[in-house]
Amino acid sequence: MNTIYYLASCDTCRKIIKSLPKGNALKFHDIKQDSITVAELEEMHRLSGSYEALFSRKAQLYKSMDLKNKALTEDDYKKYILEHYTFLSRPVFIIDDKIYIGNSQKNINEVLKVLNEKV
């Protein structure tokens, strides 16, 4: 199933969701209300190739926990993402077994293009 993992309280996520074409057939997964499961994260890892690609260095906890001064491993990235939703780079779209991570304009344009082709 095509899914968007997002944070409902995030202004950027809300803006992106508003820009999605109507009838997009996405399953909406608010990561704060419904935590990511190990299986979901492992699927994201399979599609992206690394946990680091899914990890957000913009998270407030990243700074407050002083993680930038630690040598994090793939296992660390996985652990932190599972421990707290804020460590997942958002939004994450999985569409037709392809993953789109983050809110860069290029990434969102690709998502919109794919979704518009499906509508």
N, C-alpha and C. Protein backbone atom coordinates (compact mmCIF):
# COMPACT_ATOMS: atom_id res chain seq x y z
N MET A 1 0.83 -1.19 0.00
CA MET A 1 0.00 0.00 0.00
C MET A 1 0.87 1.25 0.00
N ASN A 2 0.48 2.25 -0.75
CA ASN A 2 1.19 3.52 -0.80
C ASN A 2 0.89 4.31 0.47
N THR A 3 1.95 4.78 1.12
CA THR A 3 1.82 5.37 2.44
C THR A 3 2.64 6.65 2.56
N ILE A 4 2.14 7.58 3.36
CA ILE A 4 2.91 8.74 3.78
C ILE A 4 3.05 8.66 5.29
N TYR A 5 4.29 8.73 5.76
CA TYR A 5 4.59 8.82 7.18
C TYR A 5 4.87 10.29 7.45
N TYR A 6 4.10 10.87 8.34
CA TYR A 6 4.19 12.31 8.56
C TYR A 6 3.89 12.63 10.02
N LEU A 7 4.02 13.91 10.35
CA LEU A 7 3.69 14.39 11.68
C LEU A 7 2.60 15.44 11.53
N ALA A 8 1.43 15.16 12.09
CA ALA A 8 0.27 16.04 11.92
C ALA A 8 0.51 17.44 12.47
N SER A 9 1.37 17.56 13.47
CA SER A 9 1.62 18.87 14.07
C SER A 9 2.70 19.66 13.34
N CYS A 10 3.27 19.10 12.29
CA CYS A 10 4.34 19.76 11.53
C CYS A 10 3.73 20.61 10.41
N ASP A 11 4.00 21.91 10.45
CA ASP A 11 3.48 22.82 9.43
C ASP A 11 3.92 22.42 8.02
N THR A 12 5.16 22.02 7.88
CA THR A 12 5.67 21.63 6.56
C THR A 12 4.93 20.40 6.04
N CYS A 13 4.72 19.41 6.90
CA CYS A 13 3.98 18.22 6.49
C CYS A 13 2.55 18.58 6.09
N ARG A 14 1.91 19.44 6.87
CA ARG A 14 0.53 19.84 6.54
C ARG A 14 0.48 20.56 5.19
N LYS A 15 1.45 21.42 4.93
CA LYS A 15 1.50 22.15 3.66
C LYS A 15 1.69 21.17 2.49
N ILE A 16 2.56 20.20 2.67
CA ILE A 16 2.80 19.20 1.62
C ILE A 16 1.54 18.37 1.38
N ILE A 17 0.88 17.96 2.44
CA ILE A 17 -0.34 17.15 2.32
C ILE A 17 -1.42 17.93 1.57
N LYS A 18 -1.54 19.23 1.86
CA LYS A 18 -2.53 20.06 1.15
C LYS A 18 -2.24 20.13 -0.34
N SER A 19 -0.96 20.02 -0.72
CA SER A 19 -0.59 20.14 -2.13
C SER A 19 -0.76 18.83 -2.91
N LEU A 20 -1.04 17.73 -2.20
CA LEU A 20 -1.19 16.44 -2.87
C LEU A 20 -2.47 16.41 -3.70
N PRO A 21 -2.43 15.73 -4.84
CA PRO A 21 -3.64 15.65 -5.67
C PRO A 21 -4.76 14.92 -4.94
N LYS A 22 -5.99 15.35 -5.18
CA LYS A 22 -7.15 14.70 -4.59
C LYS A 22 -7.27 13.28 -5.15
N GLY A 23 -7.74 12.38 -4.33
CA GLY A 23 -7.89 10.99 -4.78
C GLY A 23 -6.57 10.28 -4.93
N ASN A 24 -5.59 10.63 -4.09
CA ASN A 24 -4.24 10.09 -4.24
C ASN A 24 -4.07 8.67 -3.71
N ALA A 25 -5.05 8.13 -3.00
CA ALA A 25 -5.04 6.74 -2.50
C ALA A 25 -3.86 6.43 -1.60
N LEU A 26 -3.40 7.43 -0.84
CA LEU A 26 -2.33 7.19 0.12
C LEU A 26 -2.92 6.82 1.47
N LYS A 27 -2.23 5.95 2.17
CA LYS A 27 -2.56 5.68 3.57
C LYS A 27 -1.76 6.70 4.38
N PHE A 28 -2.44 7.45 5.23
CA PHE A 28 -1.80 8.48 6.04
C PHE A 28 -1.45 7.90 7.41
N HIS A 29 -0.17 7.99 7.77
CA HIS A 29 0.31 7.41 9.02
C HIS A 29 0.98 8.52 9.84
N ASP A 30 0.25 9.03 10.84
CA ASP A 30 0.78 10.05 11.74
C ASP A 30 1.71 9.35 12.74
N ILE A 31 3.00 9.64 12.64
CA ILE A 31 3.99 8.90 13.42
C ILE A 31 3.98 9.24 14.91
N LYS A 32 3.34 10.34 15.27
CA LYS A 32 3.23 10.68 16.69
C LYS A 32 2.08 9.89 17.32
N GLN A 33 0.97 9.77 16.61
CA GLN A 33 -0.20 9.06 17.13
C GLN A 33 -0.04 7.55 17.05
N ASP A 34 0.67 7.09 16.04
CA ASP A 34 0.82 5.66 15.78
C ASP A 34 2.29 5.40 15.45
N SER A 35 3.04 4.99 16.45
CA SER A 35 4.49 4.82 16.29
C SER A 35 4.84 3.87 15.14
N ILE A 36 5.98 4.12 14.57
CA ILE A 36 6.49 3.25 13.50
C ILE A 36 6.87 1.91 14.11
N THR A 37 6.50 0.84 13.44
CA THR A 37 6.87 -0.49 13.91
C THR A 37 8.25 -0.86 13.38
N VAL A 38 8.83 -1.86 13.98
CA VAL A 38 10.12 -2.36 13.51
C VAL A 38 9.99 -2.80 12.06
N ALA A 39 8.91 -3.50 11.73
CA ALA A 39 8.70 -3.99 10.36
C ALA A 39 8.61 -2.82 9.37
N GLU A 40 7.89 -1.75 9.74
CA GLU A 40 7.77 -0.59 8.86
C GLU A 40 9.13 0.07 8.64
N LEU A 41 9.88 0.22 9.73
CA LEU A 41 11.20 0.84 9.61
C LEU A 41 12.14 -0.03 8.79
N GLU A 42 12.07 -1.33 8.96
CA GLU A 42 12.92 -2.24 8.17
C GLU A 42 12.55 -2.20 6.69
N GLU A 43 11.27 -2.01 6.39
CA GLU A 43 10.84 -1.85 5.00
C GLU A 43 11.41 -0.54 4.43
N MET A 44 11.36 0.53 5.21
CA MET A 44 11.95 1.80 4.77
C MET A 44 13.45 1.63 4.52
N HIS A 45 14.10 0.89 5.41
CA HIS A 45 15.54 0.63 5.27
C HIS A 45 15.82 -0.16 4.00
N ARG A 46 15.00 -1.16 3.73
CA ARG A 46 15.17 -1.97 2.51
C ARG A 46 15.09 -1.09 1.27
N LEU A 47 14.15 -0.15 1.27
CA LEU A 47 13.96 0.71 0.11
C LEU A 47 15.00 1.82 0.01
N SER A 48 15.46 2.32 1.14
CA SER A 48 16.39 3.46 1.11
C SER A 48 17.85 3.02 1.13
N GLY A 49 18.12 1.85 1.67
CA GLY A 49 19.49 1.36 1.72
C GLY A 49 20.23 1.68 3.01
N SER A 50 19.67 2.56 3.85
CA SER A 50 20.33 2.86 5.12
C SER A 50 19.36 3.51 6.10
N TYR A 51 19.67 3.33 7.37
CA TYR A 51 18.90 4.01 8.41
C TYR A 51 19.31 5.48 8.49
N GLU A 52 20.57 5.73 8.17
CA GLU A 52 21.06 7.12 8.21
C GLU A 52 20.26 8.00 7.25
N ALA A 53 19.89 7.47 6.09
CA ALA A 53 19.11 8.25 5.12
C ALA A 53 17.74 8.63 5.67
N LEU A 54 17.24 7.85 6.62
CA LEU A 54 15.92 8.09 7.22
C LEU A 54 16.00 8.98 8.47
N PHE A 55 17.20 9.24 8.93
CA PHE A 55 17.42 9.92 10.20
C PHE A 55 17.46 11.44 10.00
N SER A 56 16.77 12.15 10.87
CA SER A 56 16.72 13.61 10.80
C SER A 56 17.72 14.23 11.76
N ARG A 57 18.65 14.97 11.19
CA ARG A 57 19.61 15.71 12.02
C ARG A 57 19.04 17.07 12.42
N LYS A 58 17.84 17.39 11.94
CA LYS A 58 17.19 18.65 12.29
C LYS A 58 16.39 18.53 13.59
N ALA A 59 16.24 17.32 14.09
CA ALA A 59 15.44 17.08 15.29
C ALA A 59 16.04 17.82 16.48
N GLN A 60 15.17 18.41 17.28
CA GLN A 60 15.61 19.11 18.50
C GLN A 60 16.40 18.16 19.42
N LEU A 61 15.93 16.93 19.53
CA LEU A 61 16.61 15.95 20.39
C LEU A 61 18.03 15.64 19.90
N TYR A 62 18.25 15.73 18.60
CA TYR A 62 19.58 15.49 18.04
C TYR A 62 20.58 16.45 18.67
N LYS A 63 20.16 17.70 18.78
CA LYS A 63 21.03 18.72 19.37
C LYS A 63 21.10 18.56 20.90
N SER A 64 19.94 18.41 21.53
CA SER A 64 19.92 18.35 23.00
C SER A 64 20.62 17.11 23.55
N MET A 65 20.64 16.02 22.78
CA MET A 65 21.33 14.81 23.22
C MET A 65 22.79 14.80 22.78
N ASP A 66 23.20 15.88 22.10
CA ASP A 66 24.58 16.04 21.61
C ASP A 66 25.02 14.88 20.72
N LEU A 67 24.10 14.41 19.88
CA LEU A 67 24.41 13.27 19.01
C LEU A 67 25.37 13.64 17.89
N LYS A 68 25.44 14.95 17.56
CA LYS A 68 26.34 15.35 16.48
C LYS A 68 27.80 15.10 16.82
N ASN A 69 28.10 14.98 18.09
CA ASN A 69 29.47 14.73 18.52
C ASN A 69 29.74 13.26 18.81
N LYS A 70 28.82 12.41 18.38
CA LYS A 70 28.99 10.97 18.56
C LYS A 70 29.07 10.30 17.19
N ALA A 71 29.84 9.24 17.12
CA ALA A 71 29.94 8.46 15.88
C ALA A 71 28.79 7.44 15.88
N LEU A 72 27.73 7.79 15.18
CA LEU A 72 26.55 6.92 15.17
C LEU A 72 26.68 5.83 14.12
N THR A 73 26.22 4.64 14.46
CA THR A 73 26.22 3.51 13.54
C THR A 73 24.82 3.33 12.98
N GLU A 74 24.68 2.45 12.02
CA GLU A 74 23.36 2.13 11.47
C GLU A 74 22.42 1.63 12.58
N ASP A 75 22.95 0.82 13.49
CA ASP A 75 22.14 0.33 14.61
C ASP A 75 21.68 1.48 15.50
N ASP A 76 22.56 2.48 15.69
CA ASP A 76 22.18 3.66 16.49
C ASP A 76 21.05 4.42 15.81
N TYR A 77 21.18 4.65 14.51
CA TYR A 77 20.13 5.38 13.78
C TYR A 77 18.79 4.65 13.91
N LYS A 78 18.81 3.34 13.74
CA LYS A 78 17.60 2.54 13.85
C LYS A 78 17.00 2.67 15.25
N LYS A 79 17.85 2.53 16.26
CA LYS A 79 17.40 2.61 17.66
C LYS A 79 16.76 3.96 17.95
N TYR A 80 17.40 5.04 17.54
CA TYR A 80 16.86 6.38 17.82
C TYR A 80 15.54 6.63 17.09
N ILE A 81 15.44 6.19 15.84
CA ILE A 81 14.19 6.37 15.10
C ILE A 81 13.05 5.62 15.77
N LEU A 82 13.32 4.41 16.25
CA LEU A 82 12.29 3.63 16.93
C LEU A 82 11.95 4.20 18.31
N GLU A 83 12.94 4.80 18.97
CA GLU A 83 12.71 5.37 20.30
C GLU A 83 11.84 6.62 20.27
N HIS A 84 12.05 7.47 19.25
CA HIS A 84 11.31 8.73 19.23
C HIS A 84 11.02 9.16 17.80
N TYR A 85 9.75 9.45 17.54
CA TYR A 85 9.30 9.80 16.18
C TYR A 85 10.04 10.97 15.57
N THR A 86 10.55 11.87 16.40
CA THR A 86 11.18 13.08 15.87
C THR A 86 12.45 12.79 15.08
N PHE A 87 13.03 11.61 15.27
CA PHE A 87 14.26 11.27 14.55
C PHE A 87 14.01 10.79 13.11
N LEU A 88 12.77 10.58 12.73
CA LEU A 88 12.48 10.19 11.35
C LEU A 88 12.41 11.44 10.49
N SER A 89 13.18 11.48 9.44
CA SER A 89 13.11 12.59 8.50
C SER A 89 11.72 12.56 7.86
N ARG A 90 11.06 13.73 7.80
CA ARG A 90 9.67 13.74 7.37
C ARG A 90 9.45 14.69 6.21
N PRO A 91 8.41 14.38 5.44
CA PRO A 91 7.63 13.15 5.42
C PRO A 91 8.37 12.04 4.67
N VAL A 92 7.92 10.82 4.87
CA VAL A 92 8.42 9.68 4.10
C VAL A 92 7.24 9.14 3.30
N PHE A 93 7.41 9.09 2.00
CA PHE A 93 6.41 8.51 1.11
C PHE A 93 6.93 7.17 0.61
N ILE A 94 6.08 6.16 0.62
CA ILE A 94 6.38 4.90 -0.06
C ILE A 94 5.29 4.74 -1.10
N ILE A 95 5.70 4.81 -2.37
CA ILE A 95 4.76 4.73 -3.49
C ILE A 95 5.31 3.71 -4.50
N ASP A 96 4.52 2.69 -4.73
CA ASP A 96 4.90 1.64 -5.69
C ASP A 96 6.31 1.11 -5.44
N ASP A 97 6.59 0.77 -4.18
CA ASP A 97 7.86 0.17 -3.78
C ASP A 97 9.06 1.10 -4.02
N LYS A 98 8.82 2.39 -4.01
CA LYS A 98 9.89 3.39 -4.10
C LYS A 98 9.70 4.34 -2.93
N ILE A 99 10.84 4.77 -2.34
CA ILE A 99 10.76 5.62 -1.16
C ILE A 99 11.23 7.04 -1.49
N TYR A 100 10.55 8.00 -0.89
CA TYR A 100 10.88 9.42 -1.02
C TYR A 100 10.98 9.96 0.40
N ILE A 101 12.17 10.45 0.77
CA ILE A 101 12.43 10.84 2.15
C ILE A 101 12.68 12.34 2.24
N GLY A 102 11.94 12.99 3.12
CA GLY A 102 12.20 14.40 3.41
C GLY A 102 11.36 15.36 2.61
N ASN A 103 11.60 16.66 2.87
CA ASN A 103 10.74 17.69 2.31
C ASN A 103 11.45 18.62 1.33
N SER A 104 12.54 18.16 0.74
CA SER A 104 13.21 19.00 -0.26
C SER A 104 12.26 19.23 -1.44
N GLN A 105 12.38 20.36 -2.08
CA GLN A 105 11.49 20.69 -3.19
C GLN A 105 11.59 19.65 -4.30
N LYS A 106 12.80 19.20 -4.57
CA LYS A 106 13.02 18.19 -5.62
C LYS A 106 12.25 16.90 -5.27
N ASN A 107 12.35 16.49 -4.03
CA ASN A 107 11.68 15.27 -3.57
C ASN A 107 10.17 15.40 -3.67
N ILE A 108 9.63 16.52 -3.21
CA ILE A 108 8.18 16.73 -3.23
C ILE A 108 7.68 16.81 -4.68
N ASN A 109 8.46 17.45 -5.55
CA ASN A 109 8.08 17.50 -6.97
C ASN A 109 8.00 16.10 -7.57
N GLU A 110 8.94 15.22 -7.21
CA GLU A 110 8.91 13.84 -7.70
C GLU A 110 7.65 13.12 -7.20
N VAL A 111 7.32 13.30 -5.92
CA VAL A 111 6.14 12.67 -5.34
C VAL A 111 4.88 13.17 -6.05
N LEU A 112 4.79 14.48 -6.25
CA LEU A 112 3.61 15.05 -6.93
C LEU A 112 3.49 14.52 -8.35
N LYS A 113 4.61 14.39 -9.04
CA LYS A 113 4.59 13.87 -10.41
C LYS A 113 4.06 12.43 -10.42
N VAL A 114 4.59 11.60 -9.53
CA VAL A 114 4.15 10.20 -9.47
C VAL A 114 2.67 10.11 -9.10
N LEU A 115 2.25 10.88 -8.12
CA LEU A 115 0.85 10.82 -7.69
C LEU A 115 -0.10 11.36 -8.75
N ASN A 116 0.30 12.41 -9.45
CA ASN A 116 -0.54 12.95 -10.52
C ASN A 116 -0.72 11.96 -11.66
N GLU A 117 0.30 11.14 -11.90
CA GLU A 117 0.20 10.11 -12.95
C GLU A 117 -0.78 9.03 -12.54
N LYS A 118 -0.96 8.83 -11.23
CA LYS A 118 -1.83 7.75 -10.72
C LYS A 118 -3.29 8.18 -10.65
N VAL A 119 -3.55 9.48 -10.57
CA VAL A 119 -4.93 9.98 -10.38
C VAL A 119 -5.69 9.95 -11.70
